[in-house]
Protein backbone atom coordinates (compact mmCIF):
# COMPACT_ATOMS: atom_id res chain seq x y z
CA MET A 1 -8.25 44.56 38.19
CA SER A 2 -8.14 40.36 38.00
CA GLU A 3 -8.39 40.05 40.76
CA LEU A 4 -11.68 42.02 41.15
CA PHE A 5 -13.32 40.66 37.77
CA GLY A 6 -11.48 37.55 37.08
CA PRO A 7 -8.14 35.82 35.52
CA ASP A 8 -6.94 38.38 32.22
CA PRO A 9 -8.34 36.52 29.51
CA ILE A 10 -5.44 36.87 27.56
CA GLU A 11 -3.30 35.60 30.49
CA ALA A 12 -5.86 32.76 30.38
CA ARG A 13 -5.20 32.17 26.60
CA GLY A 14 -1.67 32.66 26.27
CA LEU A 15 -1.46 30.26 29.02
CA PHE A 16 -3.20 27.54 27.61
CA LEU A 17 -1.22 28.05 24.39
CA LEU A 18 1.51 26.96 26.40
CA LEU A 19 -0.03 24.09 27.94
CA SER A 20 -1.26 23.29 24.20
CA ILE A 21 2.38 22.64 22.37
CA PRO A 22 3.83 19.86 24.05
CA VAL A 23 0.65 17.98 22.56
CA VAL A 24 -0.16 19.00 19.53
CA SER A 25 4.05 18.93 19.07
CA ALA A 26 3.69 15.17 20.51
CA LEU A 27 0.40 14.45 18.34
CA ILE A 28 2.56 15.31 15.53
CA GLY A 29 4.85 13.37 16.81
CA TYR A 30 3.46 10.34 16.78
CA ILE A 31 1.50 11.10 13.56
CA THR A 32 5.04 11.54 11.25
CA ASN A 33 5.53 7.76 12.11
CA TYR A 34 3.29 6.67 12.54
CA VAL A 35 2.58 7.63 8.22
CA ALA A 36 6.07 6.44 7.84
CA VAL A 37 5.70 3.22 9.34
CA ARG A 38 2.42 2.83 7.19
CA MET A 39 5.47 4.27 3.77
CA LEU A 40 7.08 1.11 4.51
CA PHE A 41 5.38 -0.69 2.11
CA ARG A 42 1.76 1.56 1.09
CA PRO A 43 0.95 2.51 -1.48
CA HIS A 44 2.19 -0.99 -3.33
CA ALA A 45 1.61 1.37 -6.93
CA PRO A 46 2.68 4.82 -8.00
CA ARG A 47 0.49 7.38 -6.96
CA ARG A 48 -0.10 10.98 -7.65
CA VAL A 49 -0.38 13.66 -5.14
CA LEU A 50 -0.07 17.06 -5.48
CA GLY A 51 2.11 16.50 -8.77
CA LEU A 52 4.50 14.30 -6.22
CA THR A 53 4.66 10.49 -6.91
CA ILE A 54 4.49 9.00 -4.05
CA GLN A 55 5.29 5.09 -3.31
CA GLY A 56 6.22 2.91 -0.87
CA LEU A 57 9.86 2.04 0.57
CA VAL A 58 9.62 -2.11 -0.40
CA PRO A 59 7.59 -1.58 -2.78
CA ARG A 60 8.80 0.48 -4.79
CA ARG A 61 12.92 -0.50 -4.22
CA GLN A 62 11.90 -4.64 -4.39
CA ARG A 63 14.15 -5.37 -7.36
CA GLU A 64 17.00 -4.03 -6.08
CA ILE A 65 16.53 -5.49 -2.83
CA ALA A 66 15.95 -8.64 -4.48
CA THR A 67 19.00 -8.51 -6.24
CA SER A 68 21.55 -7.76 -2.81
CA LEU A 69 19.93 -10.28 -1.18
CA GLY A 70 19.64 -13.29 -3.93
CA THR A 71 23.48 -12.03 -3.93
CA MET A 72 24.17 -11.94 -0.49
CA ILE A 73 22.25 -15.29 0.43
CA GLU A 74 24.72 -16.67 -1.85
CA ARG A 75 27.75 -15.17 -0.29
CA ASP A 76 26.96 -15.26 2.75
CA LEU A 77 24.30 -17.61 3.57
CA PHE A 78 24.51 -20.64 1.30
CA SER A 79 26.95 -21.58 -1.32
CA HIS A 80 27.95 -24.88 -3.64
CA ASP A 81 30.71 -25.11 -0.89
CA ASP A 82 27.43 -25.91 1.43
CA ILE A 83 25.57 -28.46 -1.13
CA GLN A 84 29.65 -30.09 -1.97
CA GLU A 85 29.63 -30.65 2.50
CA ALA A 86 26.48 -31.86 2.96
CA LEU A 87 26.24 -34.26 0.09
CA GLN A 88 29.96 -35.78 0.25
CA GLY A 89 29.20 -36.37 4.70
CA ALA A 90 28.93 -39.76 5.98
CA ASP A 91 25.92 -39.18 6.87
CA THR A 92 24.95 -39.07 3.38
CA ALA A 93 26.57 -42.17 1.93
CA GLN A 94 25.29 -44.35 4.89
CA GLU A 95 21.39 -42.96 4.05
CA ALA A 96 22.19 -44.42 0.11
CA ALA A 97 23.86 -47.60 0.48
CA ALA A 98 20.49 -48.61 3.40
CA PHE A 99 18.27 -47.21 0.51
CA LEU A 100 20.48 -49.70 -1.71
CA ASN A 101 19.88 -52.47 0.44
CA GLU A 102 15.94 -52.24 1.16
CA GLN A 103 15.69 -51.46 -2.68
CA VAL A 104 17.32 -54.58 -3.58
CA ASP A 105 14.92 -56.50 -0.47
CA LEU A 106 12.31 -54.68 -3.04
CA PHE A 107 13.53 -56.22 -6.46
CA VAL A 108 14.11 -59.58 -4.67
CA GLN A 109 10.12 -59.79 -3.88
CA ARG A 110 8.95 -58.38 -7.03
CA LEU A 111 10.85 -61.46 -8.34
CA ALA A 112 10.16 -64.27 -6.03
CA GLY A 113 6.47 -63.14 -7.21
CA GLN A 114 6.87 -63.49 -10.54
CA ASN A 115 9.02 -66.02 -10.69
CA PRO A 116 10.00 -68.71 -8.16
CA MET A 117 12.16 -70.48 -9.91
CA VAL A 118 14.19 -67.40 -9.69
CA SER A 119 13.81 -66.35 -5.43
CA MET A 120 15.04 -69.99 -4.45
CA PHE A 121 18.71 -68.85 -6.22
CA LEU A 122 18.30 -65.47 -4.59
CA GLN A 123 17.47 -66.48 -1.17
CA GLY A 124 20.00 -67.22 1.55
CA PRO A 125 23.69 -66.78 1.82
CA LEU A 126 23.98 -66.08 -2.33
CA LEU A 127 21.42 -63.30 -1.26
CA GLU A 128 24.00 -61.08 1.17
CA GLN A 129 26.61 -62.18 -0.63
CA VAL A 130 25.09 -60.12 -4.24
CA LYS A 131 23.37 -57.25 -2.01
CA GLY A 132 27.00 -57.22 -0.35
CA MET A 133 28.48 -56.78 -3.83
CA LEU A 134 26.17 -54.31 -4.77
CA LEU A 135 26.83 -51.78 -1.61
CA GLU A 136 30.25 -52.06 -2.52
CA GLN A 137 30.54 -51.24 -5.74
CA MET A 138 28.28 -48.30 -4.32
CA GLU A 139 31.14 -47.24 -1.75
CA GLN A 140 33.24 -47.05 -4.76
CA LYS A 141 31.29 -45.45 -6.82
CA PHE A 142 29.54 -42.88 -4.71
CA PRO A 143 32.07 -40.15 -4.48
CA THR A 144 32.47 -40.48 -7.69
CA LEU A 145 28.18 -40.26 -8.63
CA ILE A 146 28.60 -36.93 -6.07
CA GLU A 147 31.48 -35.43 -7.77
CA ARG A 148 29.07 -35.58 -11.20
CA VAL A 149 26.14 -34.90 -9.53
CA ILE A 150 27.93 -31.32 -7.88
CA GLU A 151 29.60 -30.43 -11.23
CA ARG A 152 25.90 -30.37 -12.77
CA ALA A 153 24.30 -27.95 -10.18
CA GLU A 154 27.14 -25.60 -9.89
CA HIS A 155 26.39 -25.53 -13.84
CA LYS A 156 22.63 -25.65 -13.69
CA LEU A 157 21.45 -23.45 -9.74
CA ASP A 158 22.22 -20.14 -9.66
CA VAL A 159 21.35 -19.33 -6.01
CA SER A 160 21.28 -15.71 -6.39
CA ALA A 161 19.36 -15.80 -9.55
CA ILE A 162 17.35 -17.62 -8.09
CA VAL A 163 16.19 -15.55 -4.62
CA SER A 164 16.38 -12.69 -6.51
CA ALA A 165 13.45 -13.89 -9.06
CA LYS A 166 11.31 -15.51 -5.71
CA VAL A 167 11.87 -12.15 -3.80
CA GLU A 168 11.26 -9.51 -6.80
CA LYS A 169 7.13 -11.85 -7.47
CA PHE A 170 7.08 -11.90 -3.91
CA ASP A 171 3.43 -10.84 -2.59
CA LEU A 172 3.95 -7.09 -0.84
CA SER A 173 0.26 -7.81 1.25
CA LYS A 174 1.76 -11.17 2.33
CA LEU A 175 5.04 -9.84 3.27
CA GLU A 176 3.89 -6.14 4.92
CA ALA A 177 1.46 -9.29 7.28
CA ILE A 178 4.22 -10.72 8.08
CA ILE A 179 6.46 -8.15 9.33
CA HIS A 180 3.41 -6.37 10.74
CA GLU A 181 2.86 -10.04 12.69
CA VAL A 182 6.64 -10.11 13.84
CA SER A 183 7.48 -6.93 14.93
CA ALA A 184 4.60 -5.63 15.77
CA ARG A 185 5.11 -4.36 19.20
CA GLU A 186 8.26 -2.56 18.07
CA LEU A 187 6.49 -1.06 15.51
CA LYS A 188 4.15 0.46 17.74
CA THR A 189 7.58 1.46 20.06
CA ILE A 190 9.15 3.29 17.40
CA GLU A 191 5.54 5.14 16.43
CA LEU A 192 4.59 5.64 20.98
CA LEU A 193 8.10 7.40 20.63
CA GLY A 194 7.72 10.03 17.89
CA GLY A 195 5.04 11.39 20.10
CA VAL A 196 7.87 11.74 22.96
CA LEU A 197 10.17 13.12 21.65
CA GLY A 198 7.33 15.02 20.46
CA PHE A 199 5.96 15.85 23.72
CA LEU A 200 9.45 16.61 25.04
CA VAL A 201 9.80 18.86 21.77
CA GLY A 202 7.21 21.08 23.34
CA VAL A 203 8.36 21.14 27.16
CA ALA A 204 11.29 22.80 25.49
CA GLN A 205 9.15 25.10 22.95
CA ALA A 206 6.90 26.12 26.19
CA GLY A 207 10.41 26.86 28.75
CA CYS A 208 11.76 28.33 25.81
CA MET A 209 8.21 31.08 25.87
CA LEU A 210 8.37 31.57 29.06
CA LEU A 211 12.31 33.11 29.35
CA LEU A 212 11.90 35.41 26.84
């Protein structure tokens, strides 16, 4: 009969359903991953939908993320030991000596402009002797000065608290834009991967239906 009157409508409908399963599964997988990626940040504020409270993962956990990030940075990435090492380095002492030398020259120039008699004495070997004495004192007292600065910083500088406060107050829209700008390709891959996996699942389902 099918040869005389064409394909059986029931068989054609079954074939269409089998072919549509992978397509629908791919669409569902893509949409699911698309929504999941967007829900990392959105909605920013809690919203009630069908009796459920919905909010993006990052906005909902922003305070916990800020606290954990601050603790991690202070423990693993930045600490008071790093400050001490940087300030007690030879480069810092050399920069301080060069700065002092520059400031002494500027002071002498201003003093000479105000009192020419004084500038007559503070020049040549005498000026170099005075500068040498100041630099020598600077080199001797510099380690003590740095130790005092570090001690005050340890009491007043709480890296963990500062980072936590900054992250907690960070504009979510800017953070979302930064992450999408940096990871746009990876996020798109996640969405497409959902479609691919959905398609493969649909093919497997259609194959099982044919076998059964």
